[in-house]
Each structure stands twice: as C-alpha cells, then as structure tokens.
Protein backbone atom coordinates (compact mmCIF):
# COMPACT_ATOMS: atom_id res chain seq x y z
CA MET A 1 -37.75 -68.41 -125.32
CA ARG A 2 -37.42 -65.88 -127.80
CA ILE A 3 -36.24 -66.41 -131.18
CA LEU A 4 -33.63 -64.35 -132.68
CA ASN A 5 -31.58 -64.20 -136.30
CA ALA A 6 -27.67 -65.29 -136.11
CA SER A 7 -26.24 -62.17 -137.66
CA GLY A 8 -25.01 -61.60 -140.19
CA CYS A 9 -28.29 -63.98 -141.42
CA LEU A 10 -30.64 -61.34 -142.59
CA ASP A 11 -30.81 -58.43 -144.02
CA ALA A 12 -33.82 -56.08 -142.23
CA LEU A 13 -33.75 -53.46 -144.00
CA ALA A 14 -33.91 -55.22 -147.39
CA ALA A 15 -36.79 -57.97 -145.69
CA PRO A 16 -38.42 -55.88 -142.82
CA GLU A 17 -41.61 -58.06 -143.02
CA VAL A 18 -39.35 -61.51 -142.00
CA ALA A 19 -37.48 -59.03 -139.51
CA ARG A 20 -41.00 -58.36 -137.54
CA GLU A 21 -41.56 -61.99 -136.84
CA LEU A 22 -38.40 -62.55 -134.65
CA ASP A 23 -38.47 -61.32 -131.31
CA ALA A 24 -35.49 -59.08 -131.83
CA PHE A 25 -33.21 -58.38 -134.62
CA VAL A 26 -28.79 -58.81 -135.04
CA THR A 27 -27.57 -56.83 -136.54
CA LYS A 28 -24.52 -57.64 -138.89
CA THR A 29 -21.50 -57.21 -136.56
CA VAL A 30 -20.04 -53.51 -137.15
CA THR A 31 -16.19 -52.30 -136.82
CA PRO A 32 -15.23 -48.90 -136.37
CA LEU A 33 -14.08 -48.41 -139.62
CA PRO A 34 -15.31 -49.33 -142.89
CA ARG A 35 -14.72 -52.97 -144.17
CA GLU A 36 -15.14 -54.40 -147.78
CA GLY A 37 -14.72 -57.82 -146.44
CA SER A 38 -13.52 -61.01 -148.67
CA ALA A 39 -13.26 -61.34 -152.18
CA PRO A 40 -16.18 -63.31 -154.04
CA PRO A 41 -16.71 -65.81 -154.01
CA ARG A 42 -17.04 -65.63 -150.60
CA ILE A 43 -20.66 -68.03 -150.13
CA ALA A 44 -20.86 -71.73 -151.03
CA GLU A 45 -22.79 -74.50 -150.58
CA THR A 46 -21.67 -77.78 -148.61
CA ALA A 47 -23.47 -80.94 -148.31
CA HIS A 48 -24.18 -80.41 -144.99
CA GLY A 49 -24.90 -76.66 -144.24
CA MET A 50 -22.94 -73.54 -145.83
CA LEU A 51 -19.32 -71.82 -145.77
CA ASN A 52 -19.17 -68.08 -145.86
CA ALA A 53 -16.01 -65.89 -145.93
CA ILE A 54 -17.77 -62.49 -145.75
CA GLY A 55 -14.95 -60.90 -143.29
CA LEU A 56 -17.12 -58.58 -141.18
CA ALA A 57 -18.06 -56.55 -144.77
CA ASN A 58 -19.60 -53.56 -143.26
CA PRO A 59 -20.09 -49.53 -143.51
CA GLY A 60 -18.55 -48.85 -140.33
CA ARG A 61 -19.21 -47.32 -136.94
CA ASP A 62 -20.21 -43.61 -138.06
CA ARG A 63 -22.00 -44.49 -141.23
CA PHE A 64 -23.97 -47.21 -139.25
CA LEU A 65 -25.00 -45.20 -136.77
CA ALA A 66 -26.38 -41.99 -139.21
CA GLU A 67 -27.99 -44.33 -141.51
CA HIS A 68 -28.74 -47.86 -140.60
CA LEU A 69 -29.60 -47.96 -136.90
CA PRO A 70 -32.70 -45.54 -137.15
CA ARG A 71 -33.98 -47.08 -139.96
CA LEU A 72 -33.54 -50.34 -137.90
CA SER A 73 -35.07 -49.09 -134.66
CA GLN A 74 -38.28 -48.52 -136.54
CA LEU A 75 -39.12 -52.00 -137.65
CA GLY A 76 -40.78 -52.28 -134.22
CA VAL A 77 -38.38 -55.04 -132.59
CA PRO A 78 -35.76 -54.46 -130.29
CA ILE A 79 -32.48 -54.26 -131.94
CA TRP A 80 -29.43 -56.24 -130.74
CA VAL A 81 -26.29 -54.42 -132.11
CA SER A 82 -23.31 -56.83 -133.25
CA VAL A 83 -20.19 -55.36 -132.49
CA GLY A 84 -16.62 -56.32 -133.24
CA GLY A 85 -13.14 -54.61 -133.54
CA PHE A 86 -8.78 -55.88 -132.94
CA THR A 87 -8.76 -54.17 -129.96
CA ALA A 88 -10.42 -54.02 -126.86
CA ALA A 89 -10.77 -50.24 -127.62
CA ASP A 90 -12.80 -50.49 -130.50
CA TYR A 91 -15.00 -53.03 -128.95
CA ALA A 92 -15.54 -50.49 -126.16
CA GLU A 93 -15.78 -47.13 -128.32
CA THR A 94 -19.05 -48.60 -130.13
CA CYS A 95 -20.45 -49.24 -127.22
CA ALA A 96 -19.92 -46.34 -125.68
CA VAL A 97 -21.82 -44.39 -128.38
CA LEU A 98 -25.06 -47.14 -128.49
CA ARG A 99 -28.04 -45.41 -126.97
CA SER A 100 -30.52 -47.90 -125.38
CA ASP A 101 -33.70 -45.86 -127.66
CA GLU A 102 -32.03 -47.38 -130.03
CA ALA A 103 -30.02 -50.64 -128.90
CA ALA A 104 -31.03 -53.15 -126.60
CA ALA A 105 -28.49 -55.22 -126.35
CA VAL A 106 -25.09 -55.79 -127.87
CA GLU A 107 -23.27 -58.83 -129.24
CA LEU A 108 -19.69 -58.95 -128.86
CA ASN A 109 -18.41 -60.62 -131.86
CA LEU A 110 -15.26 -61.94 -130.11
CA SER A 111 -15.04 -65.68 -132.68
CA CYS A 112 -15.18 -64.12 -136.31
CA PRO A 113 -13.68 -66.86 -137.91
CA ASN A 114 -12.65 -65.04 -141.33
CA VAL A 115 -10.87 -62.35 -139.72
CA ASP A 116 -7.46 -61.69 -137.71
CA GLU A 117 -8.54 -62.39 -133.95
CA ALA A 118 -8.61 -59.61 -131.50
CA ALA A 119 -5.12 -58.41 -129.60
CA ASP A 120 -7.07 -58.90 -126.78
CA SER A 121 -8.44 -61.67 -124.75
CA ALA A 122 -12.25 -61.94 -124.58
CA ALA A 123 -12.37 -61.40 -120.94
CA GLU A 124 -10.46 -58.31 -121.56
CA ILE A 125 -13.21 -57.01 -124.67
CA VAL A 126 -16.12 -57.44 -122.11
CA ALA A 127 -14.50 -55.93 -119.09
CA ALA A 128 -13.55 -52.57 -121.33
CA CYS A 129 -17.32 -52.67 -123.03
CA ARG A 130 -18.64 -53.27 -119.34
CA ARG A 131 -17.28 -49.76 -118.35
CA ALA A 132 -18.51 -48.48 -121.19
CA THR A 133 -21.98 -49.24 -121.23
CA GLU A 134 -24.70 -50.63 -119.34
CA LEU A 135 -26.61 -52.24 -122.18
CA PRO A 136 -26.56 -55.99 -121.71
CA LEU A 137 -24.09 -58.02 -123.15
CA TYR A 138 -23.77 -60.94 -124.44
CA ALA A 139 -20.33 -62.18 -125.48
CA LYS A 140 -20.37 -64.56 -129.03
CA LEU A 141 -18.09 -67.50 -128.54
CA SER A 142 -16.72 -69.83 -130.69
CA ALA A 143 -17.17 -74.04 -129.91
CA ALA A 144 -13.31 -74.05 -131.76
CA HIS A 145 -12.12 -73.17 -128.68
CA PRO A 146 -10.59 -76.38 -126.67
CA GLU A 147 -11.57 -74.54 -123.16
CA ILE A 148 -15.00 -72.95 -124.23
CA ALA A 149 -16.14 -73.56 -120.94
CA GLU A 150 -13.21 -71.94 -119.48
CA VAL A 151 -13.87 -68.76 -121.77
CA ALA A 152 -16.87 -68.32 -120.32
CA ARG A 153 -16.48 -68.56 -117.04
CA ALA A 154 -14.29 -65.22 -117.99
CA VAL A 155 -16.33 -63.31 -119.86
CA ALA A 156 -19.40 -64.25 -117.32
CA ALA A 157 -16.56 -62.68 -114.75
CA ALA A 158 -15.65 -60.16 -116.56
CA GLY A 159 -19.45 -58.73 -116.74
CA ALA A 160 -20.87 -60.24 -119.78
CA ASP A 161 -25.03 -60.62 -119.12
CA GLY A 162 -25.40 -63.56 -121.46
CA LEU A 163 -23.87 -65.86 -123.97
CA SER A 164 -24.70 -66.01 -127.93
CA LEU A 165 -23.06 -69.50 -128.75
CA ILE A 166 -22.18 -70.58 -131.19
CA ASN A 167 -20.00 -68.89 -134.11
CA THR A 168 -19.12 -70.76 -137.14
CA LEU A 169 -16.36 -73.16 -137.60
CA ARG A 170 -13.59 -72.36 -139.53
CA ALA A 171 -13.42 -75.17 -142.89
CA VAL A 172 -12.22 -75.73 -146.65
CA ALA A 173 -14.41 -77.28 -149.32
CA LEU A 174 -13.22 -77.88 -152.85
CA ASP A 175 -14.35 -77.79 -156.08
CA SER A 176 -14.43 -80.43 -159.04
CA ARG A 177 -10.65 -79.17 -159.67
CA LEU A 178 -9.99 -79.68 -156.48
CA ARG A 179 -9.50 -76.16 -155.85
CA PRO A 180 -11.02 -74.18 -153.02
CA LEU A 181 -14.82 -72.96 -153.45
CA LEU A 182 -14.02 -69.78 -151.83
CA ALA A 183 -11.12 -67.12 -152.74
CA ARG A 184 -10.13 -66.89 -149.50
CA GLY A 185 -9.48 -70.73 -148.80
CA SER A 186 -11.16 -71.44 -145.75
CA GLY A 187 -14.27 -70.06 -144.40
CA GLY A 188 -16.82 -70.11 -141.69
CA LEU A 189 -19.31 -73.23 -141.72
CA SER A 190 -23.00 -73.02 -140.44
CA GLY A 191 -25.75 -74.91 -140.77
CA PRO A 192 -27.41 -78.64 -139.68
CA VAL A 193 -23.66 -79.92 -139.31
CA LEU A 194 -22.86 -77.60 -136.49
CA LYS A 195 -26.14 -78.66 -134.29
CA PRO A 196 -24.34 -81.43 -132.08
CA VAL A 197 -21.20 -79.05 -131.50
CA ALA A 198 -23.68 -76.36 -130.13
CA LEU A 199 -25.80 -78.31 -128.47
CA HIS A 200 -22.55 -79.45 -126.35
CA ALA A 201 -21.08 -75.95 -125.83
CA VAL A 202 -24.37 -74.74 -124.84
CA SER A 203 -24.66 -77.88 -122.21
CA ILE A 204 -21.11 -77.01 -121.23
CA CYS A 205 -21.33 -73.43 -121.01
CA HIS A 206 -24.69 -73.08 -119.02
CA GLU A 207 -23.52 -75.46 -116.43
CA ALA A 208 -20.09 -73.58 -115.83
CA THR A 209 -21.74 -70.25 -115.76
CA GLY A 210 -25.93 -70.24 -115.35
CA LEU A 211 -25.99 -67.24 -117.63
CA PRO A 212 -28.77 -66.70 -120.18
CA ILE A 213 -27.59 -68.46 -123.78
CA VAL A 214 -28.78 -66.80 -126.94
CA GLY A 215 -28.44 -71.06 -128.78
CA MET A 216 -27.49 -71.42 -132.41
CA GLY A 217 -25.79 -73.70 -134.88
CA GLY A 218 -28.18 -75.71 -137.46
CA ILE A 219 -31.63 -74.63 -135.88
CA GLN A 220 -34.11 -75.59 -138.75
CA SER A 221 -37.27 -76.68 -136.65
CA GLY A 222 -39.31 -76.23 -133.33
CA GLY A 223 -37.61 -79.61 -132.19
CA ASP A 224 -34.11 -77.68 -132.78
CA ALA A 225 -34.88 -75.18 -130.59
CA LEU A 226 -36.65 -77.40 -127.82
CA GLU A 227 -33.10 -79.37 -128.02
CA PHE A 228 -31.51 -76.24 -127.81
CA ALA A 229 -33.33 -75.38 -124.82
CA ALA A 230 -32.51 -79.04 -122.67
CA CYS A 231 -29.29 -78.25 -123.21
CA GLY A 232 -29.51 -74.78 -121.68
CA ALA A 233 -30.46 -72.03 -124.19
CA SER A 234 -32.85 -69.44 -122.97
CA ASP A 235 -33.32 -67.96 -126.43
CA VAL A 236 -32.43 -69.70 -129.91
CA ALA A 237 -30.93 -67.34 -133.14
CA LEU A 238 -31.94 -68.91 -136.38
CA GLY A 239 -28.71 -68.58 -139.26
CA THR A 240 -28.60 -70.69 -142.40
CA VAL A 241 -32.18 -71.62 -142.44
CA LEU A 242 -33.35 -67.92 -143.39
CA PHE A 243 -31.41 -68.03 -146.41
CA ALA A 244 -33.46 -71.25 -147.83
CA ASP A 245 -36.59 -70.14 -145.92
CA PRO A 246 -37.52 -66.89 -145.00
CA GLY A 247 -40.86 -67.93 -143.06
CA ALA A 248 -38.65 -69.62 -140.74
CA PRO A 249 -39.28 -67.47 -137.43
CA ALA A 250 -42.90 -68.10 -137.51
CA ARG A 251 -42.95 -72.07 -138.38
CA VAL A 252 -40.33 -72.42 -135.73
CA ARG A 253 -42.24 -70.79 -133.45
CA ALA A 254 -45.07 -72.70 -134.45
CA GLU A 255 -43.35 -76.03 -134.26
CA LEU A 256 -41.99 -75.04 -130.61
CA ALA A 257 -45.32 -75.09 -128.93
CA ALA A 258 -45.97 -78.47 -130.67
CA ALA A 259 -42.40 -79.77 -130.17
CA CYS A 260 -43.43 -78.87 -126.38
CA GLU A 261 -46.33 -80.81 -126.22
CA ASP A 262 -44.86 -83.70 -127.59
CA ALA A 263 -41.93 -83.84 -124.71
CA GLY A 264 -44.65 -83.62 -122.00
CA VAL A 265 -43.66 -80.32 -120.87
CA VAL A 266 -45.57 -76.63 -121.27
CA SER A 267 -42.96 -74.48 -122.55
CA PRO A 268 -39.15 -74.39 -123.20
CA ASP A 269 -38.73 -73.02 -119.74
CA ASP A 270 -39.59 -76.08 -118.32
CA ALA A 271 -37.70 -78.41 -120.33
CA ARG A 272 -34.14 -76.08 -119.86
CA ALA A 273 -30.70 -77.93 -118.90
CA SER A 274 -33.07 -80.95 -118.67
CA ALA A 275 -30.28 -82.93 -121.11
CA LYS A 276 -27.48 -83.01 -118.59
CA SER A 277 -24.33 -84.77 -119.64
CA PRO A 278 -23.91 -88.46 -117.97
CA GLU A 279 -20.72 -86.57 -115.75
CA THR A 280 -23.24 -83.90 -113.78
CA GLN A 281 -25.96 -86.30 -113.07
CA PRO A 282 -25.77 -87.62 -109.08
CA LYS A 283 -24.13 -90.91 -109.16
CA VAL A 284 -25.89 -93.80 -108.22
CA PRO A 285 -24.25 -96.20 -105.21
CA ALA A 286 -23.32 -99.69 -107.02
C-alpha cells in the first residue's frame, strides 16, 4: 500500500522533506489558464474537520509545465499531476503535453465542489484523456453523486486505470454572528468527519469496478489506512492531517505495520476488501 498526499494538501516545493516521505506526490490541480481562486477567507476549521474554498487557484498549465513540474521532478518521488478544466478538451490538452519522464500518473479532478462543474460528463472526459495519453489515469470522484458506483463503472469503461475516492463534500460553517466563515459561503469539507462516507464509497466502487483505488477522507492513523484497505483501497492519500502533522506520512506508515499485526494480517493487501457489505455476502439458507 502506497501513501500519497491528497491534491492541494501539501506544497512539495515549500516542504520537500515531507514530500520525500510519500510514495508519490500529487500536485495541486492544474487548469489550462491561471486561476486566482476564491476570495479570502477561504479556509476555516470546523469541529470535526476543515472547510476550504480555494477554488483551484494555480499558475496555469504553461507556467506549471515550464517552472513547477521540472522542480517537482527533482524530488526523487513519482509525480502524479492533478488535472482540471471545464470541458473534456481542457483535460485532454493538458494530458497530451505531460511527459512520462516527468509524470508517473494523472489524477483527473472530476469533482471539485468549489468551481463550476465541467460541461462534459466524467466518462466523456476520461475517454478524451485516454485518447490523449498513455499515462495511467485515476478519476477522482465525489461521494455527493447519488450513484457514485455507476459513475465509477462509466469511467472504468471509458478507460480509467484507477479511482481516487473521495473528494471533499460541500458544506457551510457559521461564525458567532451567524455569517459564513468562508467568503464564498460554502466550501469543501474534509477531515475525520468524511471517513465513514469515504469508506462506503471505496467499498461500493471496488465492488462495482475492481479498479485500483486511492482511498482518502479523514485518514489520520495507520489503523484508518488499514480500514480503507479492508474496504478495497489499494493505496491511500493523506489530506487534512498534513496541515497539523507534517510527519504524518512516516507515522502512518509505521502505524500501518502495527495495525496489520494487531489485525492478524501480514500486509494491507491481505486485508483488501475483507469488509464486504452484508448484501454482498453469500446468503445462508435459513
């Protein structure tokens, strides 16, 4: 089981020593044109997690390719590029210019709650990107979709090599004067509160597709990571925890080994998909 970061939760160029503790680094989402993102304040704490409304702020594709990606490639860890856009062509054009010597995989951000959705469907976007690149494609989906397993099947059929589950969920938090804490009003909720939702999404999407899954959402410990494996995740990504504990990658890796021993399994692979939902268990005659 590899340990990655959730896109946007770590600045590898500002904290290269943390990035090098990961098995792969996932970049902040890159869009064709530069984006300033949402107005501040755009991050706020809640009782059980964090809200953000960054709005995909990024330098744009050209500057990312010319300045940021070459520096990231020097970290010594595989680089996954998170790609965003507003049409299938936006995504595909970025995928087409990514080189395999600089990028190990592409994560297609199909589910950011803080920007308008792409005009094309998730499957259309994946299909366009599949035609544009031979790099592995991971589709990042939202549990806000009422039929996330169906979306997972659709992107699998369109050529996705894996899934990233899940993105943040849209939420609102208020201050003492009953006004939204974020300038945008709503934002993406992350942190421990997401874990049960993420585990369910991983479980049903694994059952639906069998694709490799990077599980994320509230992972704070090795025990959490093992639970994601039990629901079907091949790998995990750390998100909100990195803001409070930059040493989390090394700690979670050590705790994961201990959690496997406590659970009586040799590795997370041995626990994968062991937590099947009751409706998928063989039925025993009464």
